[in-house]
C-alpha cells in the first residue's frame, strides 16, 4: 500500500541475530545479544533519536509478524515514546493489537481516525477481513473521507471483492483526484489496475479500453 494517506507500516529491515556468548553479564558483547535486546537497549539510550525510533518500530513489526507478541509489545512501547508522532501513534495501535492477542486488554477505538488507523495496521498484517470491519466503521463516522474510501477499497481488493473495491476507489478519486495517481503506483492495486473497470478508472486518458 504505497504512497497513500494510510500511514503504512514501514517494511521490515533485515537484522543479524547471533547467539549470546557464555561470558559474564557485565562483559557481554552487546552485538551478541538477540535483536530485541539490542534494539531495546538502544531505544532506551537514544529515545529522542527519530531514526532509532523507526529502527525500534521496524524490529517490533518483525517480531509481530513472527507472532512474538510479548517481545514485540515491549519494543512498540519504546517506539511509542519517541519523537515522531506518526510512528508513535502506529506503535500505540500495535500495542493494542498485541494486548488483544495476549488477552490483556480490549482494543479501545473511539474516533473515525482510530478505526482508520487500526484498519490500516490490520491491512499491513494482511488481516483484511478484520480491517474491512474497522474501515467500514470509520466510513460510517466520516462518509466523505477520501483516505478511508481508499483504504477500504484496498482491503476489499485484497480480500477478493473487486466490485466493492471499485466503488470505494471511484469515490476516493471523486473526493480527491490525486488518489488516481496514488492508486496507479500502489503495488497492491497492480493485479486489478489493467482490468476493467479499474483500467478506465485509473487510466481514463487511454481510449479503447
C-alpha atoms as a PDB file:
ATOM      1  CA  UNK A   1       0.000   0.000   0.000  1.00  0.00           C
ATOM      2  CA  UNK A   2       2.413   2.604  -1.288  1.00  0.00           C
ATOM      3  CA  UNK A   3       2.359   6.365  -1.051  1.00  0.00           C
ATOM      4  CA  UNK A   4      -1.243   6.860   0.042  1.00  0.00           C
ATOM      5  CA  UNK A   5      -2.669   8.596   3.041  1.00  0.00           C
ATOM      6  CA  UNK A   6      -2.862   5.498   5.092  1.00  0.00           C
ATOM      7  CA  UNK A   7       0.260   5.633   7.169  1.00  0.00           C
ATOM      8  CA  UNK A   8       1.615   2.382   6.022  1.00  0.00           C
ATOM      9  CA  UNK A   9       3.801   0.495   8.414  1.00  0.00           C
ATOM     10  CA  UNK A  10       7.464   0.613   7.286  1.00  0.00           C
ATOM     11  CA  UNK A  11       8.865  -2.530   5.734  1.00  0.00           C
ATOM     12  CA  UNK A  12      10.935  -4.731   7.948  1.00  0.00           C
ATOM     13  CA  UNK A  13      14.694  -4.467   7.793  1.00  0.00           C
ATOM     14  CA  UNK A  14      16.918  -7.499   7.959  1.00  0.00           C
ATOM     15  CA  UNK A  15      18.748  -7.779  11.258  1.00  0.00           C
ATOM     16  CA  UNK A  16      21.502 -10.147  12.263  1.00  0.00           C
ATOM     17  CA  UNK A  17      20.851 -12.373  15.274  1.00  0.00           C
ATOM     18  CA  UNK A  18      23.831 -14.032  16.907  1.00  0.00           C
ATOM     19  CA  UNK A  19      23.915 -16.479  19.743  1.00  0.00           C
ATOM     20  CA  UNK A  20      24.966 -14.855  23.055  1.00  0.00           C
ATOM     21  CA  UNK A  21      28.411 -15.876  24.271  1.00  0.00           C
ATOM     22  CA  UNK A  22      28.789 -17.640  27.607  1.00  0.00           C
ATOM     23  CA  UNK A  23      30.544 -14.729  29.335  1.00  0.00           C
ATOM     24  CA  UNK A  24      29.805 -12.749  32.436  1.00  0.00           C
ATOM     25  CA  UNK A  25      26.842 -10.369  32.006  1.00  0.00           C
ATOM     26  CA  UNK A  26      28.928  -7.283  32.768  1.00  0.00           C
ATOM     27  CA  UNK A  27      31.368  -8.122  29.989  1.00  0.00           C
ATOM     28  CA  UNK A  28      28.961  -9.445  27.394  1.00  0.00           C
ATOM     29  CA  UNK A  29      29.204  -8.017  23.890  1.00  0.00           C
ATOM     30  CA  UNK A  30      26.010  -6.046  23.032  1.00  0.00           C
ATOM     31  CA  UNK A  31      26.341  -7.169  19.406  1.00  0.00           C
ATOM     32  CA  UNK A  32      26.000 -10.760  20.598  1.00  0.00           C
ATOM     33  CA  UNK A  33      22.622 -10.148  22.222  1.00  0.00           C
ATOM     34  CA  UNK A  34      19.349 -11.053  20.486  1.00  0.00           C
ATOM     35  CA  UNK A  35      17.939  -8.381  18.184  1.00  0.00           C
ATOM     36  CA  UNK A  36      15.114  -7.406  20.542  1.00  0.00           C
ATOM     37  CA  UNK A  37      17.511  -6.837  23.455  1.00  0.00           C
ATOM     38  CA  UNK A  38      19.955  -4.792  21.386  1.00  0.00           C
ATOM     39  CA  UNK A  39      17.283  -2.588  19.869  1.00  0.00           C
ATOM     40  CA  UNK A  40      15.503  -2.142  23.180  1.00  0.00           C
ATOM     41  CA  UNK A  41      18.697  -1.058  24.897  1.00  0.00           C
ATOM     42  CA  UNK A  42      19.437   1.369  22.079  1.00  0.00           C
ATOM     43  CA  UNK A  43      15.927   2.753  22.309  1.00  0.00           C
ATOM     44  CA  UNK A  44      16.279   3.470  25.990  1.00  0.00           C
ATOM     45  CA  UNK A  45      19.639   5.137  25.429  1.00  0.00           C
ATOM     46  CA  UNK A  46      18.524   7.227  22.442  1.00  0.00           C
ATOM     47  CA  UNK A  47      14.791   7.741  22.899  1.00  0.00           C
ATOM     48  CA  UNK A  48      14.941  11.174  21.278  1.00  0.00           C
ATOM     49  CA  UNK A  49      16.510   9.923  18.028  1.00  0.00           C
ATOM     50  CA  UNK A  50      13.880   9.672  15.228  1.00  0.00           C
ATOM     51  CA  UNK A  51      15.958   7.220  13.214  1.00  0.00           C
ATOM     52  CA  UNK A  52      16.421   4.983  16.252  1.00  0.00           C
ATOM     53  CA  UNK A  53      12.692   5.199  16.927  1.00  0.00           C
ATOM     54  CA  UNK A  54      11.954   3.965  13.395  1.00  0.00           C
ATOM     55  CA  UNK A  55      14.506   1.155  13.790  1.00  0.00           C
ATOM     56  CA  UNK A  56      12.854   0.031  17.007  1.00  0.00           C
ATOM     57  CA  UNK A  57       9.446   0.139  15.344  1.00  0.00           C
ATOM     58  CA  UNK A  58      10.671  -1.937  12.389  1.00  0.00           C
ATOM     59  CA  UNK A  59      12.205  -4.510  14.747  1.00  0.00           C
ATOM     60  CA  UNK A  60       8.918  -4.652  16.651  1.00  0.00           C
ATOM     61  CA  UNK A  61       6.959  -5.227  13.432  1.00  0.00           C
ATOM     62  CA  UNK A  62       9.332  -8.083  12.592  1.00  0.00           C
ATOM     63  CA  UNK A  63       8.640  -9.704  15.959  1.00  0.00           C
ATOM     64  CA  UNK A  64       4.926  -9.041  15.495  1.00  0.00           C
ATOM     65  CA  UNK A  65       4.944 -10.951  12.201  1.00  0.00           C
ATOM     66  CA  UNK A  66       6.799 -13.756  13.982  1.00  0.00           C
ATOM     67  CA  UNK A  67       3.909 -13.852  16.475  1.00  0.00           C
ATOM     68  CA  UNK A  68       6.185 -12.951  19.347  1.00  0.00           C
ATOM     69  CA  UNK A  69       3.530 -10.688  20.795  1.00  0.00           C
ATOM     70  CA  UNK A  70       5.081 -10.005  24.200  1.00  0.00           C
ATOM     71  CA  UNK A  71       8.536  -9.160  22.845  1.00  0.00           C
ATOM     72  CA  UNK A  72       7.023  -7.054  20.074  1.00  0.00           C
ATOM     73  CA  UNK A  73       4.898  -5.174  22.577  1.00  0.00           C
ATOM     74  CA  UNK A  74       7.941  -4.166  24.607  1.00  0.00           C
ATOM     75  CA  UNK A  75       9.568  -2.628  21.552  1.00  0.00           C
ATOM     76  CA  UNK A  76       6.351  -0.912  20.460  1.00  0.00           C
ATOM     77  CA  UNK A  77       6.182   0.671  23.924  1.00  0.00           C
ATOM     78  CA  UNK A  78       9.701   2.026  23.403  1.00  0.00           C
ATOM     79  CA  UNK A  79       8.865   3.324  19.923  1.00  0.00           C
ATOM     80  CA  UNK A  80       5.687   4.956  21.230  1.00  0.00           C
ATOM     81  CA  UNK A  81       7.815   7.216  23.416  1.00  0.00           C
ATOM     82  CA  UNK A  82       9.887   8.565  20.527  1.00  0.00           C
ATOM     83  CA  UNK A  83       9.692  11.997  18.891  1.00  0.00           C
ATOM     84  CA  UNK A  84       7.976  11.091  15.589  1.00  0.00           C
ATOM     85  CA  UNK A  85       4.244  11.341  16.205  1.00  0.00           C
ATOM     86  CA  UNK A  86       3.205   9.116  13.292  1.00  0.00           C
ATOM     87  CA  UNK A  87       5.490   6.279  14.384  1.00  0.00           C
ATOM     88  CA  UNK A  88       4.380   6.745  17.994  1.00  0.00           C
ATOM     89  CA  UNK A  89       0.710   6.555  17.010  1.00  0.00           C
ATOM     90  CA  UNK A  90       1.210   3.397  14.948  1.00  0.00           C
ATOM     91  CA  UNK A  91       3.197   1.918  17.818  1.00  0.00           C
ATOM     92  CA  UNK A  92       0.276   2.502  20.175  1.00  0.00           C
ATOM     93  CA  UNK A  93      -2.093   0.813  17.730  1.00  0.00           C
ATOM     94  CA  UNK A  94       0.214  -2.189  17.535  1.00  0.00           C
ATOM     95  CA  UNK A  95       0.418  -2.269  21.323  1.00  0.00           C
ATOM     96  CA  UNK A  96      -3.368  -2.591  21.335  1.00  0.00           C
ATOM     97  CA  UNK A  97      -3.158  -5.465  18.835  1.00  0.00           C
ATOM     98  CA  UNK A  98      -0.504  -7.196  20.935  1.00  0.00           C
ATOM     99  CA  UNK A  99      -2.669  -6.754  24.017  1.00  0.00           C
ATOM    100  CA  UNK A 100      -5.595  -8.246  22.181  1.00  0.00           C
ATOM    101  CA  UNK A 101      -3.593 -11.284  21.186  1.00  0.00           C
ATOM    102  CA  UNK A 102      -2.193 -11.619  24.693  1.00  0.00           C
ATOM    103  CA  UNK A 103      -5.738 -11.237  26.056  1.00  0.00           C
ATOM    104  CA  UNK A 104      -4.578  -8.463  28.344  1.00  0.00           C
ATOM    105  CA  UNK A 105      -6.975  -5.710  27.285  1.00  0.00           C
ATOM    106  CA  UNK A 106      -9.573  -4.949  24.615  1.00  0.00           C
ATOM    107  CA  UNK A 107      -8.872  -2.505  21.837  1.00  0.00           C
ATOM    108  CA  UNK A 108     -10.496   0.823  22.667  1.00  0.00           C
ATOM    109  CA  UNK A 109     -11.333   2.698  19.468  1.00  0.00           C
ATOM    110  CA  UNK A 110     -13.317   5.923  19.668  1.00  0.00           C
ATOM    111  CA  UNK A 111     -12.887   8.176  16.634  1.00  0.00           C
ATOM    112  CA  UNK A 112     -13.003   7.622  12.893  1.00  0.00           C
ATOM    113  CA  UNK A 113      -9.226   8.071  12.769  1.00  0.00           C
ATOM    114  CA  UNK A 114      -8.817   5.390  15.441  1.00  0.00           C
ATOM    115  CA  UNK A 115     -10.818   2.928  13.347  1.00  0.00           C
ATOM    116  CA  UNK A 116      -8.995   4.017  10.186  1.00  0.00           C
ATOM    117  CA  UNK A 117      -5.504   3.698  11.656  1.00  0.00           C
ATOM    118  CA  UNK A 118      -6.314   0.349  13.225  1.00  0.00           C
ATOM    119  CA  UNK A 119      -7.775  -0.864   9.940  1.00  0.00           C
ATOM    120  CA  UNK A 120      -4.638   0.193   8.084  1.00  0.00           C
ATOM    121  CA  UNK A 121      -2.453  -1.622  10.610  1.00  0.00           C
ATOM    122  CA  UNK A 122      -4.537  -4.747  10.015  1.00  0.00           C
ATOM    123  CA  UNK A 123      -4.105  -4.387   6.246  1.00  0.00           C
ATOM    124  CA  UNK A 124      -0.358  -4.250   6.737  1.00  0.00           C
ATOM    125  CA  UNK A 125      -0.505  -7.541   8.621  1.00  0.00           C
ATOM    126  CA  UNK A 126      -2.806  -8.847   5.846  1.00  0.00           C
ATOM    127  CA  UNK A 127      -5.740  -9.372   8.201  1.00  0.00           C
ATOM    128  CA  UNK A 128      -8.013  -7.846   5.554  1.00  0.00           C
ATOM    129  CA  UNK A 129     -11.290  -9.289   6.842  1.00  0.00           C
ATOM    130  CA  UNK A 130     -10.963  -7.575  10.201  1.00  0.00           C
ATOM    131  CA  UNK A 131      -9.541  -4.487   8.517  1.00  0.00           C
ATOM    132  CA  UNK A 132     -12.718  -4.128   6.467  1.00  0.00           C
ATOM    133  CA  UNK A 133     -14.857  -4.161   9.610  1.00  0.00           C
ATOM    134  CA  UNK A 134     -12.932  -1.283  11.178  1.00  0.00           C
ATOM    135  CA  UNK A 135     -12.667   0.735   7.985  1.00  0.00           C
ATOM    136  CA  UNK A 136     -16.397   0.389   7.378  1.00  0.00           C
ATOM    137  CA  UNK A 137     -16.945   1.717  10.892  1.00  0.00           C
ATOM    138  CA  UNK A 138     -14.648   4.667  10.132  1.00  0.00           C
ATOM    139  CA  UNK A 139     -16.647   5.328   6.967  1.00  0.00           C
ATOM    140  CA  UNK A 140     -19.914   5.349   8.914  1.00  0.00           C
ATOM    141  CA  UNK A 141     -18.495   8.153  11.063  1.00  0.00           C
ATOM    142  CA  UNK A 142     -16.878  10.107   8.200  1.00  0.00           C
ATOM    143  CA  UNK A 143     -18.630   9.082   4.946  1.00  0.00           C
ATOM    144  CA  UNK A 144     -16.783  11.662   2.829  1.00  0.00           C
ATOM    145  CA  UNK A 145     -13.235  10.857   3.948  1.00  0.00           C
ATOM    146  CA  UNK A 146     -11.335  10.028   0.770  1.00  0.00           C
ATOM    147  CA  UNK A 147      -8.489   8.249   2.590  1.00  0.00           C
ATOM    148  CA  UNK A 148     -10.952   5.922   4.320  1.00  0.00           C
ATOM    149  CA  UNK A 149     -12.620   5.067   0.998  1.00  0.00           C
ATOM    150  CA  UNK A 150      -9.185   4.391  -0.454  1.00  0.00           C
ATOM    151  CA  UNK A 151      -8.080   2.112   2.393  1.00  0.00           C
ATOM    152  CA  UNK A 152     -11.389   0.251   2.339  1.00  0.00           C
ATOM    153  CA  UNK A 153     -11.080  -0.241  -1.423  1.00  0.00           C
ATOM    154  CA  UNK A 154      -7.656  -1.745  -0.895  1.00  0.00           C
ATOM    155  CA  UNK A 155      -8.884  -4.087   1.827  1.00  0.00           C
ATOM    156  CA  UNK A 156     -11.738  -5.192  -0.420  1.00  0.00           C
ATOM    157  CA  UNK A 157      -9.399  -5.720  -3.368  1.00  0.00           C
ATOM    158  CA  UNK A 158      -7.026  -7.800  -1.266  1.00  0.00           C
ATOM    159  CA  UNK A 159      -9.996  -9.715   0.116  1.00  0.00           C
ATOM    160  CA  UNK A 160     -11.262 -10.727  -3.327  1.00  0.00           C
ATOM    161  CA  UNK A 161     -14.160  -8.287  -3.593  1.00  0.00           C
ATOM    162  CA  UNK A 162     -13.319  -6.213  -6.719  1.00  0.00           C
ATOM    163  CA  UNK A 163     -16.850  -4.859  -7.192  1.00  0.00           C
ATOM    164  CA  UNK A 164     -16.933  -3.050  -3.858  1.00  0.00           C
ATOM    165  CA  UNK A 165     -13.256  -2.184  -4.207  1.00  0.00           C
ATOM    166  CA  UNK A 166     -14.042  -0.389  -7.468  1.00  0.00           C
ATOM    167  CA  UNK A 167     -16.909   1.589  -5.943  1.00  0.00           C
ATOM    168  CA  UNK A 168     -14.849   2.794  -2.997  1.00  0.00           C
ATOM    169  CA  UNK A 169     -11.820   3.600  -5.129  1.00  0.00           C
ATOM    170  CA  UNK A 170     -14.038   5.537  -7.549  1.00  0.00           C
ATOM    171  CA  UNK A 171     -15.466   7.510  -4.622  1.00  0.00           C
ATOM    172  CA  UNK A 172     -11.980   8.150  -3.211  1.00  0.00           C
ATOM    173  CA  UNK A 173     -10.932   9.604  -6.570  1.00  0.00           C
ATOM    174  CA  UNK A 174     -14.089  11.710  -6.811  1.00  0.00           C
ATOM    175  CA  UNK A 175     -13.342  13.201  -3.402  1.00  0.00           C
ATOM    176  CA  UNK A 176      -9.625  13.627  -4.052  1.00  0.00           C
ATOM    177  CA  UNK A 177      -8.438  13.266  -7.689  1.00  0.00           C
ATOM    178  CA  UNK A 178      -4.816  12.688  -6.727  1.00  0.00           C
ATOM    179  CA  UNK A 179      -5.874   9.286  -5.373  1.00  0.00           C
ATOM    180  CA  UNK A 180      -5.906   8.168  -9.022  1.00  0.00           C
ATOM    181  CA  UNK A 181      -2.160   8.763  -9.285  1.00  0.00           C
ATOM    182  CA  UNK A 182      -1.542   7.143  -5.906  1.00  0.00           C
ATOM    183  CA  UNK A 183      -3.515   4.055  -6.932  1.00  0.00           C
ATOM    184  CA  UNK A 184      -1.549   3.755 -10.176  1.00  0.00           C
ATOM    185  CA  UNK A 185       1.640   3.497  -8.140  1.00  0.00           C
ATOM    186  CA  UNK A 186       0.194   1.199  -5.489  1.00  0.00           C
ATOM    187  CA  UNK A 187       1.541  -2.326  -5.881  1.00  0.00           C
ATOM    188  CA  UNK A 188      -1.430  -3.743  -4.002  1.00  0.00           C
ATOM    189  CA  UNK A 189      -3.750  -2.487  -6.752  1.00  0.00           C
ATOM    190  CA  UNK A 190      -1.456  -3.716  -9.535  1.00  0.00           C
ATOM    191  CA  UNK A 191      -3.318  -7.021 -10.161  1.00  0.00           C
ATOM    192  CA  UNK A 192      -6.517  -5.064 -10.949  1.00  0.00           C
ATOM    193  CA  UNK A 193      -5.101  -1.877 -12.480  1.00  0.00           C
ATOM    194  CA  UNK A 194      -5.285  -3.064 -16.109  1.00  0.00           C
ATOM    195  CA  UNK A 195      -8.525  -4.995 -15.820  1.00  0.00           C
ATOM    196  CA  UNK A 196     -11.977  -3.496 -16.447  1.00  0.00           C
ATOM    197  CA  UNK A 197     -13.438  -1.429 -14.934  1.00  0.00           C
ATOM    198  CA  UNK A 198     -10.310  -0.394 -12.993  1.00  0.00           C
ATOM    199  CA  UNK A 199      -8.362   0.338 -16.169  1.00  0.00           C
ATOM    200  CA  UNK A 200     -10.794   3.046 -17.272  1.00  0.00           C
ATOM    201  CA  UNK A 201     -10.926   4.456 -13.735  1.00  0.00           C
ATOM    202  CA  UNK A 202      -7.156   4.673 -13.319  1.00  0.00           C
ATOM    203  CA  UNK A 203      -6.237   5.488 -16.930  1.00  0.00           C
ATOM    204  CA  UNK A 204      -9.145   7.497 -18.376  1.00  0.00           C
ATOM    205  CA  UNK A 205      -6.836   9.091 -20.936  1.00  0.00           C
ATOM    206  CA  UNK A 206      -6.348   5.739 -22.683  1.00  0.00           C
ATOM    207  CA  UNK A 207      -9.143   5.216 -25.165  1.00  0.00           C
ATOM    208  CA  UNK A 208     -10.378   1.865 -26.399  1.00  0.00           C
ATOM    209  CA  UNK A 209     -10.025   0.035 -23.086  1.00  0.00           C
END
